[in-house]
Amino acid sequence: MAKEKREHVMMVCSETGDINYYTSRSRLGQKLEMMKYSPRLRRRTLHKEKRRK
């Protein structure tokens, strides 16, 4: 069976540690880091990728 080319990851806020978003990315690319809205802080913060288990 062939491996999937994309994987599902969680986006975790770097300031609060909350998991706010789920997305998919290419398995071959670098880890994702993007500015996303944090509902707890009510502003945009850096969110980093964390793999699903």
PDB file of N, CA and C in Angstrom:
ATOM      1  N   MET A   1       0.841  -1.170   0.000  1.00  0.00           N
ATOM      2  CA  MET A   1       0.000   0.000   0.000  1.00  0.00           C
ATOM      3  C   MET A   1       0.896   1.245   0.000  1.00  0.00           C
ATOM      4  N   ALA A   2       0.557   2.221  -0.810  1.00  0.00           N
ATOM      5  CA  ALA A   2       1.357   3.435  -0.934  1.00  0.00           C
ATOM      6  C   ALA A   2       1.149   4.346   0.272  1.00  0.00           C
ATOM      7  N   LYS A   3       2.207   5.095   0.633  1.00  0.00           N
ATOM      8  CA  LYS A   3       2.100   6.049   1.724  1.00  0.00           C
ATOM      9  C   LYS A   3       1.381   7.302   1.237  1.00  0.00           C
ATOM     10  N   GLU A   4       0.713   7.956   2.145  1.00  0.00           N
ATOM     11  CA  GLU A   4       0.051   9.208   1.806  1.00  0.00           C
ATOM     12  C   GLU A   4       1.092  10.302   1.634  1.00  0.00           C
ATOM     13  N   LYS A   5       0.832  11.240   0.732  1.00  0.00           N
ATOM     14  CA  LYS A   5       1.772  12.324   0.495  1.00  0.00           C
ATOM     15  C   LYS A   5       1.571  13.485   1.454  1.00  0.00           C
ATOM     16  N   ARG A   6       0.429  13.506   2.141  1.00  0.00           N
ATOM     17  CA  ARG A   6       0.145  14.584   3.072  1.00  0.00           C
ATOM     18  C   ARG A   6      -0.118  13.992   4.458  1.00  0.00           C
ATOM     19  N   GLU A   7       0.164  14.778   5.481  1.00  0.00           N
ATOM     20  CA  GLU A   7      -0.104  14.338   6.843  1.00  0.00           C
ATOM     21  C   GLU A   7      -0.881  15.426   7.577  1.00  0.00           C
ATOM     22  N   HIS A   8      -1.685  15.022   8.542  1.00  0.00           N
ATOM     23  CA  HIS A   8      -2.482  15.956   9.322  1.00  0.00           C
ATOM     24  C   HIS A   8      -1.696  16.363  10.559  1.00  0.00           C
ATOM     25  N   VAL A   9      -1.678  17.665  10.848  1.00  0.00           N
ATOM     26  CA  VAL A   9      -0.932  18.188  11.991  1.00  0.00           C
ATOM     27  C   VAL A   9      -1.810  19.156  12.774  1.00  0.00           C
ATOM     28  N   MET A  10      -1.442  19.379  14.038  1.00  0.00           N
ATOM     29  CA  MET A  10      -2.118  20.343  14.902  1.00  0.00           C
ATOM     30  C   MET A  10      -1.266  21.603  14.947  1.00  0.00           C
ATOM     31  N   MET A  11      -1.914  22.753  15.060  1.00  0.00           N
ATOM     32  CA  MET A  11      -1.197  24.012  15.217  1.00  0.00           C
ATOM     33  C   MET A  11      -1.356  24.457  16.667  1.00  0.00           C
ATOM     34  N   VAL A  12      -0.221  24.591  17.378  1.00  0.00           N
ATOM     35  CA  VAL A  12      -0.219  24.883  18.804  1.00  0.00           C
ATOM     36  C   VAL A  12       0.302  26.297  19.028  1.00  0.00           C
ATOM     37  N   CYS A  13      -0.402  27.078  19.830  1.00  0.00           N
ATOM     38  CA  CYS A  13       0.010  28.448  20.157  1.00  0.00           C
ATOM     39  C   CYS A  13       1.307  28.397  20.966  1.00  0.00           C
ATOM     40  N   SER A  14       2.290  29.205  20.576  1.00  0.00           N
ATOM     41  CA  SER A  14       3.577  29.188  21.274  1.00  0.00           C
ATOM     42  C   SER A  14       3.504  29.911  22.620  1.00  0.00           C
ATOM     43  N   GLU A  15       2.500  30.739  22.843  1.00  0.00           N
ATOM     44  CA  GLU A  15       2.396  31.481  24.100  1.00  0.00           C
ATOM     45  C   GLU A  15       1.525  30.780  25.137  1.00  0.00           C
ATOM     46  N   THR A  16       0.411  30.201  24.720  1.00  0.00           N
ATOM     47  CA  THR A  16      -0.500  29.567  25.684  1.00  0.00           C
ATOM     48  C   THR A  16      -0.420  28.048  25.670  1.00  0.00           C
ATOM     49  N   GLY A  17       0.045  27.456  24.575  1.00  0.00           N
ATOM     50  CA  GLY A  17       0.107  25.999  24.458  1.00  0.00           C
ATOM     51  C   GLY A  17      -1.206  25.372  24.021  1.00  0.00           C
ATOM     52  N   ASP A  18      -2.188  26.201  23.674  1.00  0.00           N
ATOM     53  CA  ASP A  18      -3.495  25.703  23.231  1.00  0.00           C
ATOM     54  C   ASP A  18      -3.412  25.181  21.800  1.00  0.00           C
ATOM     55  N   ILE A  19      -4.180  24.126  21.516  1.00  0.00           N
ATOM     56  CA  ILE A  19      -4.313  23.617  20.155  1.00  0.00           C
ATOM     57  C   ILE A  19      -5.521  24.324  19.552  1.00  0.00           C
ATOM     58  N   ASN A  20      -5.272  25.210  18.588  1.00  0.00           N
ATOM     59  CA  ASN A  20      -6.351  26.022  18.031  1.00  0.00           C
ATOM     60  C   ASN A  20      -6.742  25.626  16.619  1.00  0.00           C
ATOM     61  N   TYR A  21      -5.861  24.993  15.863  1.00  0.00           N
ATOM     62  CA  TYR A  21      -6.139  24.698  14.467  1.00  0.00           C
ATOM     63  C   TYR A  21      -5.621  23.317  14.099  1.00  0.00           C
ATOM     64  N   TYR A  22      -6.257  22.706  13.094  1.00  0.00           N
ATOM     65  CA  TYR A  22      -5.789  21.465  12.484  1.00  0.00           C
ATOM     66  C   TYR A  22      -5.616  21.746  11.002  1.00  0.00           C
ATOM     67  N   THR A  23      -4.551  21.214  10.414  1.00  0.00           N
ATOM     68  CA  THR A  23      -4.309  21.410   8.991  1.00  0.00           C
ATOM     69  C   THR A  23      -3.546  20.218   8.447  1.00  0.00           C
ATOM     70  N   SER A  24      -3.304  20.209   7.153  1.00  0.00           N
ATOM     71  CA  SER A  24      -2.495  19.149   6.557  1.00  0.00           C
ATOM     72  C   SER A  24      -1.330  19.787   5.831  1.00  0.00           C
ATOM     73  N   ARG A  25      -0.242  19.036   5.712  1.00  0.00           N
ATOM     74  CA  ARG A  25       0.945  19.544   5.039  1.00  0.00           C
ATOM     75  C   ARG A  25       1.637  18.413   4.313  1.00  0.00           C
ATOM     76  N   SER A  26       2.541  18.757   3.420  1.00  0.00           N
ATOM     77  CA  SER A  26       3.319  17.779   2.685  1.00  0.00           C
ATOM     78  C   SER A  26       4.298  17.090   3.631  1.00  0.00           C
ATOM     79  N   ARG A  27       4.488  15.804   3.469  1.00  0.00           N
ATOM     80  CA  ARG A  27       5.441  15.083   4.312  1.00  0.00           C
ATOM     81  C   ARG A  27       6.881  15.503   4.036  1.00  0.00           C
ATOM     82  N   LEU A  28       7.144  16.020   2.865  1.00  0.00           N
ATOM     83  CA  LEU A  28       8.508  16.354   2.465  1.00  0.00           C
ATOM     84  C   LEU A  28       8.920  17.766   2.858  1.00  0.00           C
ATOM     85  N   GLY A  29       7.989  18.613   3.220  1.00  0.00           N
ATOM     86  CA  GLY A  29       8.289  20.009   3.525  1.00  0.00           C
ATOM     87  C   GLY A  29       8.837  20.211   4.925  1.00  0.00           C
ATOM     88  N   GLN A  30       9.146  21.472   5.234  1.00  0.00           N
ATOM     89  CA  GLN A  30       9.632  21.830   6.560  1.00  0.00           C
ATOM     90  C   GLN A  30       8.461  21.955   7.520  1.00  0.00           C
ATOM     91  N   LYS A  31       8.777  22.055   8.827  1.00  0.00           N
ATOM     92  CA  LYS A  31       7.727  22.225   9.825  1.00  0.00           C
ATOM     93  C   LYS A  31       7.063  23.579   9.645  1.00  0.00           C
ATOM     94  N   LEU A  32       5.755  23.613   9.889  1.00  0.00           N
ATOM     95  CA  LEU A  32       4.988  24.842   9.706  1.00  0.00           C
ATOM     96  C   LEU A  32       5.099  25.743  10.922  1.00  0.00           C
ATOM     97  N   GLU A  33       5.216  27.037  10.676  1.00  0.00           N
ATOM     98  CA  GLU A  33       5.110  28.079  11.690  1.00  0.00           C
ATOM     99  C   GLU A  33       4.373  29.219  11.033  1.00  0.00           C
ATOM    100  N   MET A  34       3.261  29.638  11.616  1.00  0.00           N
ATOM    101  CA  MET A  34       2.506  30.738  11.025  1.00  0.00           C
ATOM    102  C   MET A  34       1.795  31.546  12.091  1.00  0.00           C
ATOM    103  N   MET A  35       1.506  32.787  11.739  1.00  0.00           N
ATOM    104  CA  MET A  35       0.773  33.669  12.633  1.00  0.00           C
ATOM    105  C   MET A  35      -0.714  33.370  12.473  1.00  0.00           C
ATOM    106  N   LYS A  36      -1.354  32.953  13.571  1.00  0.00           N
ATOM    107  CA  LYS A  36      -2.781  32.627  13.564  1.00  0.00           C
ATOM    108  C   LYS A  36      -3.433  33.313  14.765  1.00  0.00           C
ATOM    109  N   TYR A  37      -4.747  33.429  14.719  1.00  0.00           N
ATOM    110  CA  TYR A  37      -5.499  34.074  15.791  1.00  0.00           C
ATOM    111  C   TYR A  37      -5.628  33.151  16.999  1.00  0.00           C
ATOM    112  N   SER A  38      -5.347  33.667  18.172  1.00  0.00           N
ATOM    113  CA  SER A  38      -5.510  32.929  19.423  1.00  0.00           C
ATOM    114  C   SER A  38      -6.733  33.472  20.157  1.00  0.00           C
ATOM    115  N   PRO A  39      -7.809  32.677  20.273  1.00  0.00           N
ATOM    116  CA  PRO A  39      -9.031  33.171  20.928  1.00  0.00           C
ATOM    117  C   PRO A  39      -8.830  33.535  22.400  1.00  0.00           C
ATOM    118  N   ARG A  40      -7.960  32.827  23.087  1.00  0.00           N
ATOM    119  CA  ARG A  40      -7.747  33.116  24.509  1.00  0.00           C
ATOM    120  C   ARG A  40      -7.092  34.483  24.700  1.00  0.00           C
ATOM    121  N   LEU A  41      -6.099  34.808  23.869  1.00  0.00           N
ATOM    122  CA  LEU A  41      -5.401  36.084  23.991  1.00  0.00           C
ATOM    123  C   LEU A  41      -6.051  37.196  23.164  1.00  0.00           C
ATOM    124  N   ARG A  42      -6.961  36.808  22.262  1.00  0.00           N
ATOM    125  CA  ARG A  42      -7.668  37.726  21.378  1.00  0.00           C
ATOM    126  C   ARG A  42      -6.712  38.558  20.522  1.00  0.00           C
ATOM    127  N   ARG A  43      -5.670  37.898  20.010  1.00  0.00           N
ATOM    128  CA  ARG A  43      -4.738  38.534  19.079  1.00  0.00           C
ATOM    129  C   ARG A  43      -4.002  37.458  18.300  1.00  0.00           C
ATOM    130  N   ARG A  44      -3.251  37.867  17.301  1.00  0.00           N
ATOM    131  CA  ARG A  44      -2.498  36.910  16.491  1.00  0.00           C
ATOM    132  C   ARG A  44      -1.193  36.548  17.191  1.00  0.00           C
ATOM    133  N   THR A  45      -0.874  35.256  17.231  1.00  0.00           N
ATOM    134  CA  THR A  45       0.359  34.770  17.841  1.00  0.00           C
ATOM    135  C   THR A  45       0.983  33.722  16.925  1.00  0.00           C
ATOM    136  N   LEU A  46       2.223  33.392  17.202  1.00  0.00           N
ATOM    137  CA  LEU A  46       2.920  32.370  16.432  1.00  0.00           C
ATOM    138  C   LEU A  46       2.401  30.994  16.819  1.00  0.00           C
ATOM    139  N   HIS A  47       2.014  30.208  15.826  1.00  0.00           N
ATOM    140  CA  HIS A  47       1.561  28.829  16.028  1.00  0.00           C
ATOM    141  C   HIS A  47       2.540  27.894  15.345  1.00  0.00           C
ATOM    142  N   LYS A  48       2.924  26.827  16.034  1.00  0.00           N
ATOM    143  CA  LYS A  48       3.873  25.849  15.500  1.00  0.00           C
ATOM    144  C   LYS A  48       3.211  24.499  15.335  1.00  0.00           C
ATOM    145  N   GLU A  49       3.751  23.739  14.426  1.00  0.00           N
ATOM    146  CA  GLU A  49       3.209  22.420  14.104  1.00  0.00           C
ATOM    147  C   GLU A  49       3.510  21.399  15.190  1.00  0.00           C
ATOM    148  N   LYS A  50       2.543  20.542  15.450  1.00  0.00           N
ATOM    149  CA  LYS A  50       2.720  19.384  16.323  1.00  0.00           C
ATOM    150  C   LYS A  50       2.028  18.219  15.633  1.00  0.00           C
ATOM    151  N   ARG A  51       2.699  17.105  15.519  1.00  0.00           N
ATOM    152  CA  ARG A  51       2.121  15.954  14.802  1.00  0.00           C
ATOM    153  C   ARG A  51       1.035  15.280  15.609  1.00  0.00           C
ATOM    154  N   ARG A  52       0.050  14.738  14.887  1.00  0.00           N
ATOM    155  CA  ARG A  52      -0.997  13.948  15.509  1.00  0.00           C
ATOM    156  C   ARG A  52      -0.474  12.551  15.764  1.00  0.00           C
ATOM    157  N   LYS A  53      -1.004  11.909  16.787  1.00  0.00           N
ATOM    158  CA  LYS A  53      -0.581  10.535  17.088  1.00  0.00           C
ATOM    159  C   LYS A  53      -1.621   9.564  16.633  1.00  0.00           C
TER     160      LYS A  53
END
